[in-house]
C-alpha atoms as a PDB file:
ATOM      1  CA  UNK A   1      21.624  21.773 -21.489  1.00  0.00           C
ATOM      2  CA  UNK A   2      22.029  25.072 -23.277  1.00  0.00           C
ATOM      3  CA  UNK A   3      20.997  28.342 -21.541  1.00  0.00           C
ATOM      4  CA  UNK A   4      19.543  29.751 -24.760  1.00  0.00           C
ATOM      5  CA  UNK A   5      17.268  27.096 -26.301  1.00  0.00           C
ATOM      6  CA  UNK A   6      17.641  26.336 -29.997  1.00  0.00           C
ATOM      7  CA  UNK A   7      14.638  25.707 -32.207  1.00  0.00           C
ATOM      8  CA  UNK A   8      13.255  22.183 -32.148  1.00  0.00           C
ATOM      9  CA  UNK A   9      13.949  20.333 -35.424  1.00  0.00           C
ATOM     10  CA  UNK A  10      10.853  20.474 -37.646  1.00  0.00           C
ATOM     11  CA  UNK A  11      10.201  18.200 -40.652  1.00  0.00           C
ATOM     12  CA  UNK A  12      10.728  19.798 -44.051  1.00  0.00           C
ATOM     13  CA  UNK A  13       7.751  18.081 -45.731  1.00  0.00           C
ATOM     14  CA  UNK A  14       4.060  18.393 -44.803  1.00  0.00           C
ATOM     15  CA  UNK A  15       2.157  15.805 -42.799  1.00  0.00           C
ATOM     16  CA  UNK A  16       0.766  12.864 -44.794  1.00  0.00           C
ATOM     17  CA  UNK A  17      -2.068  10.410 -44.038  1.00  0.00           C
ATOM     18  CA  UNK A  18      -1.281   7.001 -42.601  1.00  0.00           C
ATOM     19  CA  UNK A  19      -2.607   3.882 -44.349  1.00  0.00           C
ATOM     20  CA  UNK A  20      -1.103   1.279 -42.047  1.00  0.00           C
ATOM     21  CA  UNK A  21       1.458   0.624 -39.344  1.00  0.00           C
ATOM     22  CA  UNK A  22       4.351   1.018 -41.816  1.00  0.00           C
ATOM     23  CA  UNK A  23       3.377   4.212 -43.677  1.00  0.00           C
ATOM     24  CA  UNK A  24       6.489   4.198 -45.855  1.00  0.00           C
ATOM     25  CA  UNK A  25       5.477   0.868 -47.404  1.00  0.00           C
ATOM     26  CA  UNK A  26       8.242  -1.397 -48.655  1.00  0.00           C
ATOM     27  CA  UNK A  27       8.824  -4.545 -50.693  1.00  0.00           C
ATOM     28  CA  UNK A  28       8.458  -6.885 -47.723  1.00  0.00           C
ATOM     29  CA  UNK A  29       5.131  -5.324 -46.767  1.00  0.00           C
ATOM     30  CA  UNK A  30       3.734  -5.856 -50.249  1.00  0.00           C
ATOM     31  CA  UNK A  31       4.997  -9.439 -50.341  1.00  0.00           C
ATOM     32  CA  UNK A  32       3.328 -10.146 -47.001  1.00  0.00           C
ATOM     33  CA  UNK A  33       0.102  -8.523 -48.214  1.00  0.00           C
ATOM     34  CA  UNK A  34       0.176 -10.719 -51.324  1.00  0.00           C
ATOM     35  CA  UNK A  35       0.685 -13.767 -49.117  1.00  0.00           C
ATOM     36  CA  UNK A  36      -2.216 -12.622 -46.951  1.00  0.00           C
ATOM     37  CA  UNK A  37      -4.514 -12.344 -49.968  1.00  0.00           C
ATOM     38  CA  UNK A  38      -3.631 -15.901 -51.026  1.00  0.00           C
ATOM     39  CA  UNK A  39      -4.092 -17.179 -47.461  1.00  0.00           C
ATOM     40  CA  UNK A  40      -7.546 -15.603 -47.192  1.00  0.00           C
ATOM     41  CA  UNK A  41      -8.559 -17.139 -50.534  1.00  0.00           C
ATOM     42  CA  UNK A  42      -7.377 -20.542 -49.340  1.00  0.00           C
ATOM     43  CA  UNK A  43      -9.238 -20.253 -46.026  1.00  0.00           C
ATOM     44  CA  UNK A  44     -12.476 -19.152 -47.678  1.00  0.00           C
ATOM     45  CA  UNK A  45     -12.200 -21.905 -50.277  1.00  0.00           C
ATOM     46  CA  UNK A  46     -11.187 -24.822 -48.046  1.00  0.00           C
ATOM     47  CA  UNK A  47     -11.936 -23.754 -44.436  1.00  0.00           C
ATOM     48  CA  UNK A  48     -15.347 -22.021 -44.506  1.00  0.00           C
ATOM     49  CA  UNK A  49     -16.137 -23.197 -40.973  1.00  0.00           C
ATOM     50  CA  UNK A  50     -13.067 -21.450 -39.574  1.00  0.00           C
ATOM     51  CA  UNK A  51     -13.885 -18.286 -41.517  1.00  0.00           C
ATOM     52  CA  UNK A  52     -17.466 -18.226 -40.194  1.00  0.00           C
ATOM     53  CA  UNK A  53     -16.308 -18.848 -36.618  1.00  0.00           C
ATOM     54  CA  UNK A  54     -13.750 -16.034 -36.738  1.00  0.00           C
ATOM     55  CA  UNK A  55     -16.184 -13.597 -38.331  1.00  0.00           C
ATOM     56  CA  UNK A  56     -18.565 -14.267 -35.437  1.00  0.00           C
ATOM     57  CA  UNK A  57     -15.794 -13.343 -33.003  1.00  0.00           C
ATOM     58  CA  UNK A  58     -14.662 -10.274 -34.931  1.00  0.00           C
ATOM     59  CA  UNK A  59     -15.483  -7.005 -33.204  1.00  0.00           C
ATOM     60  CA  UNK A  60     -16.081  -3.476 -34.500  1.00  0.00           C
ATOM     61  CA  UNK A  61     -16.871  -2.078 -37.917  1.00  0.00           C
ATOM     62  CA  UNK A  62     -14.673  -0.768 -40.705  1.00  0.00           C
ATOM     63  CA  UNK A  63     -16.824   0.701 -43.493  1.00  0.00           C
ATOM     64  CA  UNK A  64     -14.108   2.936 -44.952  1.00  0.00           C
ATOM     65  CA  UNK A  65     -10.728   1.649 -43.847  1.00  0.00           C
ATOM     66  CA  UNK A  66      -7.798   4.025 -44.598  1.00  0.00           C
ATOM     67  CA  UNK A  67      -5.727   0.922 -45.270  1.00  0.00           C
ATOM     68  CA  UNK A  68      -7.604   0.110 -48.470  1.00  0.00           C
ATOM     69  CA  UNK A  69      -4.897   1.760 -50.539  1.00  0.00           C
ATOM     70  CA  UNK A  70      -2.440  -0.845 -49.208  1.00  0.00           C
ATOM     71  CA  UNK A  71      -4.739  -3.803 -49.652  1.00  0.00           C
ATOM     72  CA  UNK A  72      -6.984  -3.886 -46.564  1.00  0.00           C
ATOM     73  CA  UNK A  73     -10.474  -4.134 -48.033  1.00  0.00           C
ATOM     74  CA  UNK A  74     -12.306  -5.260 -44.957  1.00  0.00           C
ATOM     75  CA  UNK A  75     -11.367  -8.907 -45.548  1.00  0.00           C
ATOM     76  CA  UNK A  76     -10.279  -9.520 -41.980  1.00  0.00           C
ATOM     77  CA  UNK A  77     -10.602 -13.209 -41.194  1.00  0.00           C
ATOM     78  CA  UNK A  78      -8.332 -13.388 -38.137  1.00  0.00           C
ATOM     79  CA  UNK A  79      -5.786 -11.257 -36.299  1.00  0.00           C
ATOM     80  CA  UNK A  80      -3.093 -11.903 -38.901  1.00  0.00           C
ATOM     81  CA  UNK A  81      -5.025  -9.672 -41.287  1.00  0.00           C
ATOM     82  CA  UNK A  82      -4.694  -6.789 -38.825  1.00  0.00           C
ATOM     83  CA  UNK A  83      -0.912  -6.937 -38.618  1.00  0.00           C
ATOM     84  CA  UNK A  84      -0.365  -3.998 -40.972  1.00  0.00           C
ATOM     85  CA  UNK A  85      -3.672  -2.217 -40.376  1.00  0.00           C
ATOM     86  CA  UNK A  86      -4.246  -2.406 -36.654  1.00  0.00           C
ATOM     87  CA  UNK A  87      -3.815   1.386 -36.275  1.00  0.00           C
ATOM     88  CA  UNK A  88      -6.313   2.328 -39.011  1.00  0.00           C
ATOM     89  CA  UNK A  89      -8.804  -0.566 -39.151  1.00  0.00           C
ATOM     90  CA  UNK A  90     -11.961  -0.623 -37.031  1.00  0.00           C
ATOM     91  CA  UNK A  91     -11.945  -4.416 -36.623  1.00  0.00           C
ATOM     92  CA  UNK A  92     -10.399  -6.186 -33.647  1.00  0.00           C
ATOM     93  CA  UNK A  93     -10.431  -9.476 -31.758  1.00  0.00           C
ATOM     94  CA  UNK A  94     -10.631 -10.096 -28.024  1.00  0.00           C
ATOM     95  CA  UNK A  95      -7.343 -11.445 -26.619  1.00  0.00           C
ATOM     96  CA  UNK A  96      -8.916 -14.843 -25.960  1.00  0.00           C
ATOM     97  CA  UNK A  97     -10.041 -15.053 -29.595  1.00  0.00           C
ATOM     98  CA  UNK A  98      -6.605 -14.257 -31.021  1.00  0.00           C
ATOM     99  CA  UNK A  99      -5.045 -17.601 -31.858  1.00  0.00           C
ATOM    100  CA  UNK A 100      -1.774 -15.962 -32.886  1.00  0.00           C
ATOM    101  CA  UNK A 101      -0.911 -13.959 -29.771  1.00  0.00           C
ATOM    102  CA  UNK A 102       1.886 -16.437 -29.048  1.00  0.00           C
ATOM    103  CA  UNK A 103       3.876 -14.791 -31.845  1.00  0.00           C
ATOM    104  CA  UNK A 104       4.246 -11.722 -29.623  1.00  0.00           C
ATOM    105  CA  UNK A 105       6.248 -13.883 -27.207  1.00  0.00           C
ATOM    106  CA  UNK A 106       8.798 -14.916 -29.799  1.00  0.00           C
ATOM    107  CA  UNK A 107      12.306 -13.422 -29.358  1.00  0.00           C
ATOM    108  CA  UNK A 108      11.926 -11.746 -32.778  1.00  0.00           C
ATOM    109  CA  UNK A 109       9.923  -8.589 -33.471  1.00  0.00           C
ATOM    110  CA  UNK A 110       6.627  -9.635 -35.048  1.00  0.00           C
ATOM    111  CA  UNK A 111       6.796  -6.663 -37.417  1.00  0.00           C
ATOM    112  CA  UNK A 112      10.008  -8.074 -38.890  1.00  0.00           C
ATOM    113  CA  UNK A 113       8.995 -11.712 -39.369  1.00  0.00           C
ATOM    114  CA  UNK A 114       8.444 -11.120 -43.088  1.00  0.00           C
ATOM    115  CA  UNK A 115      11.993  -9.855 -43.494  1.00  0.00           C
ATOM    116  CA  UNK A 116      13.311 -12.821 -41.493  1.00  0.00           C
ATOM    117  CA  UNK A 117      11.411 -15.344 -43.641  1.00  0.00           C
ATOM    118  CA  UNK A 118      12.526 -13.691 -46.886  1.00  0.00           C
ATOM    119  CA  UNK A 119      16.146 -13.511 -45.683  1.00  0.00           C
ATOM    120  CA  UNK A 120      15.998 -17.184 -44.730  1.00  0.00           C
ATOM    121  CA  UNK A 121      14.661 -18.216 -48.145  1.00  0.00           C
ATOM    122  CA  UNK A 122      17.273 -16.130 -49.954  1.00  0.00           C
ATOM    123  CA  UNK A 123      20.039 -17.567 -47.773  1.00  0.00           C
ATOM    124  CA  UNK A 124      18.881 -21.121 -48.476  1.00  0.00           C
ATOM    125  CA  UNK A 125      18.744 -20.409 -52.212  1.00  0.00           C
ATOM    126  CA  UNK A 126      22.239 -18.909 -52.209  1.00  0.00           C
ATOM    127  CA  UNK A 127      23.536 -21.862 -50.192  1.00  0.00           C
ATOM    128  CA  UNK A 128      22.095 -24.287 -52.746  1.00  0.00           C
ATOM    129  CA  UNK A 129      23.705 -22.299 -55.563  1.00  0.00           C
ATOM    130  CA  UNK A 130      27.095 -22.317 -53.826  1.00  0.00           C
ATOM    131  CA  UNK A 131      26.801 -26.058 -53.187  1.00  0.00           C
ATOM    132  CA  UNK A 132      25.996 -26.602 -56.860  1.00  0.00           C
ATOM    133  CA  UNK A 133      28.978 -24.542 -57.947  1.00  0.00           C
ATOM    134  CA  UNK A 134      31.221 -26.569 -55.637  1.00  0.00           C
ATOM    135  CA  UNK A 135      29.847 -29.760 -57.204  1.00  0.00           C
ATOM    136  CA  UNK A 136      30.869 -28.405 -60.621  1.00  0.00           C
ATOM    137  CA  UNK A 137      34.386 -27.477 -59.574  1.00  0.00           C
ATOM    138  CA  UNK A 138      34.312 -24.323 -57.454  1.00  0.00           C
ATOM    139  CA  UNK A 139      37.295 -24.531 -55.053  1.00  0.00           C
ATOM    140  CA  UNK A 140      36.277 -25.737 -51.610  1.00  0.00           C
ATOM    141  CA  UNK A 141      38.013 -22.825 -49.882  1.00  0.00           C
ATOM    142  CA  UNK A 142      36.085 -20.296 -51.982  1.00  0.00           C
ATOM    143  CA  UNK A 143      32.802 -22.110 -51.485  1.00  0.00           C
ATOM    144  CA  UNK A 144      33.425 -22.190 -47.746  1.00  0.00           C
ATOM    145  CA  UNK A 145      34.048 -18.431 -47.668  1.00  0.00           C
ATOM    146  CA  UNK A 146      30.858 -17.740 -49.633  1.00  0.00           C
ATOM    147  CA  UNK A 147      28.845 -20.029 -47.360  1.00  0.00           C
ATOM    148  CA  UNK A 148      30.271 -18.293 -44.302  1.00  0.00           C
ATOM    149  CA  UNK A 149      29.332 -14.868 -45.698  1.00  0.00           C
ATOM    150  CA  UNK A 150      25.794 -16.094 -46.376  1.00  0.00           C
ATOM    151  CA  UNK A 151      25.549 -17.341 -42.795  1.00  0.00           C
ATOM    152  CA  UNK A 152      26.841 -14.030 -41.413  1.00  0.00           C
ATOM    153  CA  UNK A 153      24.281 -12.090 -43.465  1.00  0.00           C
ATOM    154  CA  UNK A 154      21.431 -14.299 -42.239  1.00  0.00           C
ATOM    155  CA  UNK A 155      22.569 -14.037 -38.611  1.00  0.00           C
ATOM    156  CA  UNK A 156      22.728 -10.254 -38.968  1.00  0.00           C
ATOM    157  CA  UNK A 157      19.070 -10.121 -40.042  1.00  0.00           C
ATOM    158  CA  UNK A 158      18.099 -12.337 -37.109  1.00  0.00           C
ATOM    159  CA  UNK A 159      20.096 -10.140 -34.757  1.00  0.00           C
ATOM    160  CA  UNK A 160      18.588  -6.938 -36.085  1.00  0.00           C
ATOM    161  CA  UNK A 161      15.013  -8.091 -35.498  1.00  0.00           C
ATOM    162  CA  UNK A 162      15.700  -9.553 -32.064  1.00  0.00           C
ATOM    163  CA  UNK A 163      13.255  -8.492 -29.379  1.00  0.00           C
ATOM    164  CA  UNK A 164      14.604  -9.353 -25.914  1.00  0.00           C
ATOM    165  CA  UNK A 165      12.588  -9.045 -22.732  1.00  0.00           C
ATOM    166  CA  UNK A 166      13.479  -6.133 -20.491  1.00  0.00           C
ATOM    167  CA  UNK A 167      13.170  -5.457 -16.762  1.00  0.00           C
ATOM    168  CA  UNK A 168      11.002  -2.352 -16.469  1.00  0.00           C
ATOM    169  CA  UNK A 169      11.817   0.010 -13.558  1.00  0.00           C
ATOM    170  CA  UNK A 170       9.048   0.435 -10.978  1.00  0.00           C
ATOM    171  CA  UNK A 171      10.011   4.026 -10.074  1.00  0.00           C
ATOM    172  CA  UNK A 172       6.814   6.094 -10.637  1.00  0.00           C
ATOM    173  CA  UNK A 173       8.870   9.211 -11.415  1.00  0.00           C
ATOM    174  CA  UNK A 174      11.214   7.574 -13.930  1.00  0.00           C
ATOM    175  CA  UNK A 175      11.202   8.087 -17.686  1.00  0.00           C
ATOM    176  CA  UNK A 176      12.817   5.125 -19.419  1.00  0.00           C
ATOM    177  CA  UNK A 177      14.579   5.108 -22.731  1.00  0.00           C
ATOM    178  CA  UNK A 178      12.259   4.518 -25.709  1.00  0.00           C
ATOM    179  CA  UNK A 179      15.070   2.853 -27.655  1.00  0.00           C
ATOM    180  CA  UNK A 180      18.451   1.149 -27.516  1.00  0.00           C
ATOM    181  CA  UNK A 181      21.382   3.233 -28.655  1.00  0.00           C
ATOM    182  CA  UNK A 182      23.655   6.164 -27.814  1.00  0.00           C
ATOM    183  CA  UNK A 183      22.427   9.468 -26.387  1.00  0.00           C
ATOM    184  CA  UNK A 184      23.420  12.241 -28.820  1.00  0.00           C
ATOM    185  CA  UNK A 185      21.479  15.258 -27.521  1.00  0.00           C
ATOM    186  CA  UNK A 186      20.142  16.477 -24.179  1.00  0.00           C
ATOM    187  CA  UNK A 187      19.037  20.041 -24.681  1.00  0.00           C
ATOM    188  CA  UNK A 188      16.340  22.611 -24.128  1.00  0.00           C
ATOM    189  CA  UNK A 189      14.643  23.608 -27.386  1.00  0.00           C
ATOM    190  CA  UNK A 190      12.012  26.130 -28.415  1.00  0.00           C
ATOM    191  CA  UNK A 191       8.782  24.400 -29.387  1.00  0.00           C
ATOM    192  CA  UNK A 192       5.378  26.167 -29.504  1.00  0.00           C
ATOM    193  CA  UNK A 193       3.556  22.880 -28.838  1.00  0.00           C
ATOM    194  CA  UNK A 194       4.777  22.869 -25.225  1.00  0.00           C
ATOM    195  CA  UNK A 195       4.049  25.115 -22.230  1.00  0.00           C
ATOM    196  CA  UNK A 196       6.081  28.338 -22.263  1.00  0.00           C
ATOM    197  CA  UNK A 197       7.193  27.374 -25.763  1.00  0.00           C
ATOM    198  CA  UNK A 198      10.032  25.225 -24.434  1.00  0.00           C
ATOM    199  CA  UNK A 199      10.743  21.506 -24.293  1.00  0.00           C
ATOM    200  CA  UNK A 200      13.499  19.181 -23.159  1.00  0.00           C
ATOM    201  CA  UNK A 201      14.762  17.072 -26.064  1.00  0.00           C
ATOM    202  CA  UNK A 202      16.645  13.805 -25.627  1.00  0.00           C
ATOM    203  CA  UNK A 203      17.822  12.176 -28.852  1.00  0.00           C
ATOM    204  CA  UNK A 204      19.098   8.601 -29.230  1.00  0.00           C
ATOM    205  CA  UNK A 205      20.935   7.193 -32.240  1.00  0.00           C
ATOM    206  CA  UNK A 206      20.368   3.520 -33.069  1.00  0.00           C
ATOM    207  CA  UNK A 207      23.103   1.785 -35.033  1.00  0.00           C
ATOM    208  CA  UNK A 208      22.435  -1.308 -37.140  1.00  0.00           C
ATOM    209  CA  UNK A 209      23.662  -3.437 -34.240  1.00  0.00           C
ATOM    210  CA  UNK A 210      21.148  -2.136 -31.700  1.00  0.00           C
ATOM    211  CA  UNK A 211      17.736  -3.598 -30.884  1.00  0.00           C
ATOM    212  CA  UNK A 212      15.313  -1.479 -32.925  1.00  0.00           C
ATOM    213  CA  UNK A 213      12.066  -2.128 -31.066  1.00  0.00           C
ATOM    214  CA  UNK A 214      10.697   1.072 -29.491  1.00  0.00           C
ATOM    215  CA  UNK A 215       9.164   1.060 -26.008  1.00  0.00           C
ATOM    216  CA  UNK A 216       6.866   3.439 -24.148  1.00  0.00           C
ATOM    217  CA  UNK A 217       8.935   5.834 -22.006  1.00  0.00           C
ATOM    218  CA  UNK A 218       6.054   6.482 -19.584  1.00  0.00           C
ATOM    219  CA  UNK A 219       2.537   5.195 -18.964  1.00  0.00           C
ATOM    220  CA  UNK A 220       0.113   7.347 -20.899  1.00  0.00           C
ATOM    221  CA  UNK A 221      -2.702   7.712 -23.422  1.00  0.00           C
ATOM    222  CA  UNK A 222      -2.002   8.372 -27.103  1.00  0.00           C
ATOM    223  CA  UNK A 223      -3.521  11.704 -28.139  1.00  0.00           C
ATOM    224  CA  UNK A 224      -2.199  12.374 -31.634  1.00  0.00           C
ATOM    225  CA  UNK A 225      -0.097  10.665 -34.307  1.00  0.00           C
ATOM    226  CA  UNK A 226       1.484  12.490 -37.244  1.00  0.00           C
ATOM    227  CA  UNK A 227       3.471  11.066 -40.143  1.00  0.00           C
ATOM    228  CA  UNK A 228       5.900  13.122 -42.237  1.00  0.00           C
ATOM    229  CA  UNK A 229       7.485  11.649 -45.398  1.00  0.00           C
ATOM    230  CA  UNK A 230      11.045  12.706 -46.053  1.00  0.00           C
ATOM    231  CA  UNK A 231      14.578  11.878 -47.064  1.00  0.00           C
ATOM    232  CA  UNK A 232      16.873   9.167 -45.676  1.00  0.00           C
ATOM    233  CA  UNK A 233      20.072  10.802 -44.476  1.00  0.00           C
ATOM    234  CA  UNK A 234      22.344   9.012 -42.037  1.00  0.00           C
ATOM    235  CA  UNK A 235      20.449   9.115 -38.720  1.00  0.00           C
ATOM    236  CA  UNK A 236      23.672  10.060 -36.926  1.00  0.00           C
ATOM    237  CA  UNK A 237      23.654  13.448 -38.685  1.00  0.00           C
ATOM    238  CA  UNK A 238      21.689  16.351 -37.195  1.00  0.00           C
ATOM    239  CA  UNK A 239      19.998  17.035 -40.533  1.00  0.00           C
ATOM    240  CA  UNK A 240      18.152  13.711 -40.229  1.00  0.00           C
ATOM    241  CA  UNK A 241      15.898  15.218 -37.537  1.00  0.00           C
ATOM    242  CA  UNK A 242      14.689  17.758 -40.117  1.00  0.00           C
ATOM    243  CA  UNK A 243      14.868  16.076 -43.506  1.00  0.00           C
ATOM    244  CA  UNK A 244      14.199  12.396 -42.804  1.00  0.00           C
ATOM    245  CA  UNK A 245      10.928  10.480 -42.785  1.00  0.00           C
ATOM    246  CA  UNK A 246       9.508  10.613 -39.265  1.00  0.00           C
ATOM    247  CA  UNK A 247       6.497   9.866 -37.131  1.00  0.00           C
ATOM    248  CA  UNK A 248       5.375  11.790 -34.031  1.00  0.00           C
ATOM    249  CA  UNK A 249       3.345  10.334 -31.175  1.00  0.00           C
ATOM    250  CA  UNK A 250       1.903  12.766 -28.627  1.00  0.00           C
ATOM    251  CA  UNK A 251       0.772  11.132 -25.385  1.00  0.00           C
ATOM    252  CA  UNK A 252      -0.696  12.365 -22.120  1.00  0.00           C
ATOM    253  CA  UNK A 253       0.918  11.326 -18.848  1.00  0.00           C
ATOM    254  CA  UNK A 254      -1.915  11.261 -16.313  1.00  0.00           C
ATOM    255  CA  UNK A 255       0.381  10.777 -13.314  1.00  0.00           C
ATOM    256  CA  UNK A 256       2.436  13.880 -14.122  1.00  0.00           C
ATOM    257  CA  UNK A 257      -0.382  15.783 -15.833  1.00  0.00           C
ATOM    258  CA  UNK A 258       1.812  16.551 -18.809  1.00  0.00           C
ATOM    259  CA  UNK A 259       1.988  15.963 -22.545  1.00  0.00           C
ATOM    260  CA  UNK A 260       5.049  14.367 -24.108  1.00  0.00           C
ATOM    261  CA  UNK A 261       6.130  13.576 -27.650  1.00  0.00           C
ATOM    262  CA  UNK A 262       7.968  10.584 -29.051  1.00  0.00           C
ATOM    263  CA  UNK A 263       9.594  10.882 -32.487  1.00  0.00           C
ATOM    264  CA  UNK A 264      10.591   7.934 -34.661  1.00  0.00           C
ATOM    265  CA  UNK A 265      13.042   9.046 -37.367  1.00  0.00           C
ATOM    266  CA  UNK A 266      14.076   6.751 -40.221  1.00  0.00           C
ATOM    267  CA  UNK A 267      17.705   6.224 -41.221  1.00  0.00           C
ATOM    268  CA  UNK A 268      19.653   5.670 -44.416  1.00  0.00           C
ATOM    269  CA  UNK A 269      19.412   1.903 -44.952  1.00  0.00           C
ATOM    270  CA  UNK A 270      16.038   0.139 -44.678  1.00  0.00           C
ATOM    271  CA  UNK A 271      14.084   3.364 -44.162  1.00  0.00           C
ATOM    272  CA  UNK A 272      10.969   1.915 -42.555  1.00  0.00           C
ATOM    273  CA  UNK A 273       9.073   3.202 -39.514  1.00  0.00           C
ATOM    274  CA  UNK A 274       6.565   0.895 -37.794  1.00  0.00           C
ATOM    275  CA  UNK A 275       3.880   2.356 -35.515  1.00  0.00           C
ATOM    276  CA  UNK A 276       1.029  -0.026 -34.578  1.00  0.00           C
ATOM    277  CA  UNK A 277      -0.523   2.261 -31.938  1.00  0.00           C
ATOM    278  CA  UNK A 278      -3.519   4.504 -32.594  1.00  0.00           C
ATOM    279  CA  UNK A 279      -5.143   7.518 -30.996  1.00  0.00           C
ATOM    280  CA  UNK A 280      -6.859   6.556 -27.759  1.00  0.00           C
ATOM    281  CA  UNK A 281      -4.549   3.648 -26.952  1.00  0.00           C
ATOM    282  CA  UNK A 282      -3.459   3.407 -23.323  1.00  0.00           C
ATOM    283  CA  UNK A 283       0.074   2.120 -23.026  1.00  0.00           C
ATOM    284  CA  UNK A 284       2.194   1.267 -20.000  1.00  0.00           C
ATOM    285  CA  UNK A 285       5.812   2.110 -19.390  1.00  0.00           C
ATOM    286  CA  UNK A 286       8.046  -0.342 -21.248  1.00  0.00           C
ATOM    287  CA  UNK A 287       5.330  -1.561 -23.653  1.00  0.00           C
ATOM    288  CA  UNK A 288       6.421  -2.319 -27.197  1.00  0.00           C
ATOM    289  CA  UNK A 289       5.052   0.505 -29.369  1.00  0.00           C
ATOM    290  CA  UNK A 290       6.783  -0.018 -32.724  1.00  0.00           C
ATOM    291  CA  UNK A 291      10.201  -0.126 -34.321  1.00  0.00           C
ATOM    292  CA  UNK A 292      12.413   1.556 -36.896  1.00  0.00           C
ATOM    293  CA  UNK A 293      14.150  -0.768 -39.300  1.00  0.00           C
ATOM    294  CA  UNK A 294      17.938  -0.738 -39.632  1.00  0.00           C
ATOM    295  CA  UNK A 295      19.686   2.451 -38.486  1.00  0.00           C
ATOM    296  CA  UNK A 296      17.567   5.268 -37.076  1.00  0.00           C
ATOM    297  CA  UNK A 297      16.968   7.900 -34.403  1.00  0.00           C
ATOM    298  CA  UNK A 298      14.404   8.103 -31.595  1.00  0.00           C
ATOM    299  CA  UNK A 299      13.661  11.296 -29.683  1.00  0.00           C
ATOM    300  CA  UNK A 300      11.564  12.202 -26.651  1.00  0.00           C
ATOM    301  CA  UNK A 301      10.256  15.715 -25.954  1.00  0.00           C
ATOM    302  CA  UNK A 302       8.732  16.791 -22.654  1.00  0.00           C
ATOM    303  CA  UNK A 303       7.670  20.055 -20.995  1.00  0.00           C
ATOM    304  CA  UNK A 304      10.343  21.964 -19.108  1.00  0.00           C
ATOM    305  CA  UNK A 305       7.909  22.670 -16.263  1.00  0.00           C
ATOM    306  CA  UNK A 306       7.696  18.998 -15.289  1.00  0.00           C
ATOM    307  CA  UNK A 307      10.898  19.396 -13.298  1.00  0.00           C
ATOM    308  CA  UNK A 308      12.895  16.610 -14.909  1.00  0.00           C
ATOM    309  CA  UNK A 309      16.401  15.735 -13.765  1.00  0.00           C
ATOM    310  CA  UNK A 310      18.444  13.892 -16.445  1.00  0.00           C
ATOM    311  CA  UNK A 311      20.211  10.762 -15.227  1.00  0.00           C
ATOM    312  CA  UNK A 312      22.169  10.141 -18.429  1.00  0.00           C
ATOM    313  CA  UNK A 313      24.593  12.310 -20.371  1.00  0.00           C
ATOM    314  CA  UNK A 314      25.530  12.661 -24.024  1.00  0.00           C
ATOM    315  CA  UNK A 315      27.499   9.623 -25.134  1.00  0.00           C
ATOM    316  CA  UNK A 316      25.852   7.182 -22.737  1.00  0.00           C
ATOM    317  CA  UNK A 317      24.593   3.867 -24.123  1.00  0.00           C
ATOM    318  CA  UNK A 318      20.995   3.106 -23.115  1.00  0.00           C
ATOM    319  CA  UNK A 319      18.556   0.215 -23.467  1.00  0.00           C
ATOM    320  CA  UNK A 320      14.902   0.640 -24.360  1.00  0.00           C
ATOM    321  CA  UNK A 321      12.465   0.008 -21.541  1.00  0.00           C
ATOM    322  CA  UNK A 322      15.097  -0.543 -18.843  1.00  0.00           C
ATOM    323  CA  UNK A 323      17.512   2.417 -18.810  1.00  0.00           C
ATOM    324  CA  UNK A 324      16.235   5.450 -16.894  1.00  0.00           C
ATOM    325  CA  UNK A 325      16.869   8.676 -18.835  1.00  0.00           C
ATOM    326  CA  UNK A 326      15.577  11.067 -16.181  1.00  0.00           C
ATOM    327  CA  UNK A 327      13.450  11.385 -13.057  1.00  0.00           C
ATOM    328  CA  UNK A 328      10.664  13.827 -12.312  1.00  0.00           C
ATOM    329  CA  UNK A 329      10.227  15.717  -9.082  1.00  0.00           C
ATOM    330  CA  UNK A 330       6.998  15.129  -7.168  1.00  0.00           C
ATOM    331  CA  UNK A 331       4.583  17.818  -8.331  1.00  0.00           C
ATOM    332  CA  UNK A 332       0.963  18.913  -8.289  1.00  0.00           C
ATOM    333  CA  UNK A 333      -1.341  19.234 -11.275  1.00  0.00           C
ATOM    334  CA  UNK A 334      -1.489  23.038 -11.241  1.00  0.00           C
ATOM    335  CA  UNK A 335      -0.335  25.101 -14.221  1.00  0.00           C
ATOM    336  CA  UNK A 336      -0.412  22.105 -16.566  1.00  0.00           C
ATOM    337  CA  UNK A 337      -2.237  21.812 -19.892  1.00  0.00           C
ATOM    338  CA  UNK A 338      -5.403  19.775 -20.119  1.00  0.00           C
ATOM    339  CA  UNK A 339      -5.373  16.592 -22.192  1.00  0.00           C
ATOM    340  CA  UNK A 340      -6.692  16.788 -25.731  1.00  0.00           C
ATOM    341  CA  UNK A 341     -10.304  15.753 -26.190  1.00  0.00           C
END
């Protein structure tokens, strides 16, 4: 860590409102929303009993949902309709009333199932085309190469959206990695949002071959979420922390009596940040809290006065939810900021 702290990277564009869990939008989101609209029409037309039963189980109110601009108009029949609006919609379902919770146990990130389905359909279509061309005279060797490339592309999409289980450390003073990837920065930075105007910054670069699901680095309560549109430079470059699209999550660690910040920073390829959490959520260390799609950066900021001792060094490869980045010294609650109301 540097003796003279540099300034913390700040986004170059102003904060923007969030209208769903993937604020940057995207083709796959809009295709899934169109599918959802058709599904709701079908259910209301042919399964009115199911619709009535689910509406009776639906909890909360949502008179003016911020997600309306993306297609959420209060037509929430079951939990599938909350997939993209869970963080802005007032409706919810009790766990026992959610008939689709089993999808969270699949080895693929639920937020990427649309991309997986679309990639599968495209791969099947391309395979049929190649088979047809081989029927009409395309050399077998060339058709075999094309089929192999299609298979590799499909397997890459499956691999990218994989979501393996992780063994979460039980150490109460451990801070685990929020992402898979390579540690690129461990430094003290100047940041007015932290006590004494200083924070410890740990930055992790995620390549396209890493798991891209983000996990909670500590148990805490979400206090504030901010979204900043931006550019899409290579996430390996330092400028990405300033210019790129990013989302900040401030959370309060009750055990340490300290506020921390998690940053999700988009990369150059798919450019999509997913954040399903909302203010007031209580998460536990290692919980899945979102993802960044295809090449990105994840950063954690924490107060210097928490007495953290880094376990990793720049260049180390870490795994989200299981690798310990640092440990905190046992401390009292004095001289710490109060949680936000």
